[in-house]
C-alpha atoms as a PDB file:
ATOM      1  CA  UNK A   1      -1.280  12.469 -64.086  1.00  0.00           C
ATOM      2  CA  UNK A   2       2.242  13.251 -65.289  1.00  0.00           C
ATOM      3  CA  UNK A   3       4.123  11.145 -62.752  1.00  0.00           C
ATOM      4  CA  UNK A   4       2.723   8.339 -60.643  1.00  0.00           C
ATOM      5  CA  UNK A   5       4.175   8.959 -57.177  1.00  0.00           C
ATOM      6  CA  UNK A   6       3.251   5.502 -55.908  1.00  0.00           C
ATOM      7  CA  UNK A   7       5.415   3.812 -58.560  1.00  0.00           C
ATOM      8  CA  UNK A   8       8.545   5.851 -57.871  1.00  0.00           C
ATOM      9  CA  UNK A   9      11.367   3.987 -56.147  1.00  0.00           C
ATOM     10  CA  UNK A  10      12.997   6.514 -53.849  1.00  0.00           C
ATOM     11  CA  UNK A  11      14.665   4.027 -51.509  1.00  0.00           C
ATOM     12  CA  UNK A  12      18.094   5.108 -52.774  1.00  0.00           C
ATOM     13  CA  UNK A  13      17.393   8.767 -51.983  1.00  0.00           C
ATOM     14  CA  UNK A  14      17.389   8.198 -48.231  1.00  0.00           C
ATOM     15  CA  UNK A  15      20.787   6.549 -48.050  1.00  0.00           C
ATOM     16  CA  UNK A  16      23.628   9.068 -47.806  1.00  0.00           C
ATOM     17  CA  UNK A  17      26.227   6.481 -48.825  1.00  0.00           C
ATOM     18  CA  UNK A  18      24.681   5.785 -52.233  1.00  0.00           C
ATOM     19  CA  UNK A  19      24.018   9.302 -53.494  1.00  0.00           C
ATOM     20  CA  UNK A  20      27.301   9.358 -55.414  1.00  0.00           C
ATOM     21  CA  UNK A  21      26.333   6.197 -57.282  1.00  0.00           C
ATOM     22  CA  UNK A  22      23.212   7.983 -58.544  1.00  0.00           C
ATOM     23  CA  UNK A  23      25.182  10.723 -60.323  1.00  0.00           C
ATOM     24  CA  UNK A  24      25.769   9.885 -63.953  1.00  0.00           C
ATOM     25  CA  UNK A  25      28.936  10.658 -65.880  1.00  0.00           C
ATOM     26  CA  UNK A  26      27.564  13.690 -67.728  1.00  0.00           C
ATOM     27  CA  UNK A  27      26.324  15.344 -64.556  1.00  0.00           C
ATOM     28  CA  UNK A  28      29.784  14.926 -63.049  1.00  0.00           C
ATOM     29  CA  UNK A  29      31.392  16.381 -66.198  1.00  0.00           C
ATOM     30  CA  UNK A  30      29.040  19.384 -66.121  1.00  0.00           C
ATOM     31  CA  UNK A  31      29.832  20.014 -62.452  1.00  0.00           C
ATOM     32  CA  UNK A  32      33.553  19.546 -63.068  1.00  0.00           C
ATOM     33  CA  UNK A  33      33.571  22.025 -65.930  1.00  0.00           C
ATOM     34  CA  UNK A  34      31.826  24.617 -63.744  1.00  0.00           C
ATOM     35  CA  UNK A  35      34.438  24.134 -61.045  1.00  0.00           C
ATOM     36  CA  UNK A  36      37.226  24.419 -63.641  1.00  0.00           C
ATOM     37  CA  UNK A  37      35.669  27.625 -64.992  1.00  0.00           C
ATOM     38  CA  UNK A  38      35.584  29.059 -61.472  1.00  0.00           C
ATOM     39  CA  UNK A  39      39.263  28.223 -60.922  1.00  0.00           C
ATOM     40  CA  UNK A  40      40.229  29.629 -64.307  1.00  0.00           C
ATOM     41  CA  UNK A  41      38.315  32.811 -63.509  1.00  0.00           C
ATOM     42  CA  UNK A  42      40.151  33.127 -60.206  1.00  0.00           C
ATOM     43  CA  UNK A  43      43.520  32.623 -61.900  1.00  0.00           C
ATOM     44  CA  UNK A  44      42.693  35.236 -64.529  1.00  0.00           C
ATOM     45  CA  UNK A  45      41.691  37.772 -61.904  1.00  0.00           C
ATOM     46  CA  UNK A  46      44.760  37.191 -59.703  1.00  0.00           C
ATOM     47  CA  UNK A  47      47.509  36.945 -62.319  1.00  0.00           C
ATOM     48  CA  UNK A  48      46.913  39.976 -64.511  1.00  0.00           C
ATOM     49  CA  UNK A  49      50.323  40.047 -66.230  1.00  0.00           C
ATOM     50  CA  UNK A  50      50.171  36.353 -67.119  1.00  0.00           C
ATOM     51  CA  UNK A  51      46.629  36.815 -68.404  1.00  0.00           C
ATOM     52  CA  UNK A  52      47.643  39.581 -70.806  1.00  0.00           C
ATOM     53  CA  UNK A  53      50.351  37.377 -72.313  1.00  0.00           C
ATOM     54  CA  UNK A  54      48.056  34.351 -72.764  1.00  0.00           C
ATOM     55  CA  UNK A  55      44.784  35.911 -73.924  1.00  0.00           C
ATOM     56  CA  UNK A  56      44.168  33.477 -76.769  1.00  0.00           C
ATOM     57  CA  UNK A  57      44.737  30.324 -74.710  1.00  0.00           C
ATOM     58  CA  UNK A  58      42.550  31.684 -71.908  1.00  0.00           C
ATOM     59  CA  UNK A  59      39.752  32.494 -74.343  1.00  0.00           C
ATOM     60  CA  UNK A  60      39.973  29.018 -75.882  1.00  0.00           C
ATOM     61  CA  UNK A  61      39.955  27.455 -72.404  1.00  0.00           C
ATOM     62  CA  UNK A  62      36.851  29.375 -71.335  1.00  0.00           C
ATOM     63  CA  UNK A  63      35.004  28.526 -74.544  1.00  0.00           C
ATOM     64  CA  UNK A  64      36.001  24.846 -74.434  1.00  0.00           C
ATOM     65  CA  UNK A  65      35.077  24.390 -70.771  1.00  0.00           C
ATOM     66  CA  UNK A  66      31.818  26.250 -71.274  1.00  0.00           C
ATOM     67  CA  UNK A  67      30.874  24.110 -74.286  1.00  0.00           C
ATOM     68  CA  UNK A  68      31.799  20.889 -72.505  1.00  0.00           C
ATOM     69  CA  UNK A  69      29.672  21.815 -69.507  1.00  0.00           C
ATOM     70  CA  UNK A  70      26.786  22.943 -71.710  1.00  0.00           C
ATOM     71  CA  UNK A  71      26.721  19.735 -73.751  1.00  0.00           C
ATOM     72  CA  UNK A  72      27.130  17.544 -70.663  1.00  0.00           C
ATOM     73  CA  UNK A  73      24.290  19.320 -68.850  1.00  0.00           C
ATOM     74  CA  UNK A  74      21.974  18.941 -71.832  1.00  0.00           C
ATOM     75  CA  UNK A  75      22.817  15.267 -72.265  1.00  0.00           C
ATOM     76  CA  UNK A  76      22.334  14.622 -68.560  1.00  0.00           C
ATOM     77  CA  UNK A  77      18.939  16.330 -68.673  1.00  0.00           C
ATOM     78  CA  UNK A  78      17.884  14.306 -71.724  1.00  0.00           C
ATOM     79  CA  UNK A  79      18.858  11.086 -69.940  1.00  0.00           C
ATOM     80  CA  UNK A  80      16.849  12.070 -66.855  1.00  0.00           C
ATOM     81  CA  UNK A  81      13.831  12.933 -68.990  1.00  0.00           C
ATOM     82  CA  UNK A  82      14.040   9.567 -70.771  1.00  0.00           C
ATOM     83  CA  UNK A  83      14.269   7.741 -67.460  1.00  0.00           C
ATOM     84  CA  UNK A  84      11.350   9.598 -65.903  1.00  0.00           C
ATOM     85  CA  UNK A  85       9.179   9.193 -68.984  1.00  0.00           C
ATOM     86  CA  UNK A  86       9.395   5.410 -68.561  1.00  0.00           C
ATOM     87  CA  UNK A  87       7.863   5.587 -65.075  1.00  0.00           C
END
């Protein structure tokens, strides 16, 4: 059996006040970078003249935010896999 259900401690999952304490830093960074990418995309689509003048900085911003989110999501997943493999 891959995961022993009887040994899992899911008491924290039922409490709505503690769900934020269960989110690790890298998951929050990955979510934050996705939100920032969405806002940057909205700004680019609304302000066309400004976008044409700042193409390089916009490209760098998209690449940086995308890479940050990608690395944070991978690291968060690795941490979860390590934690669940100990169960």
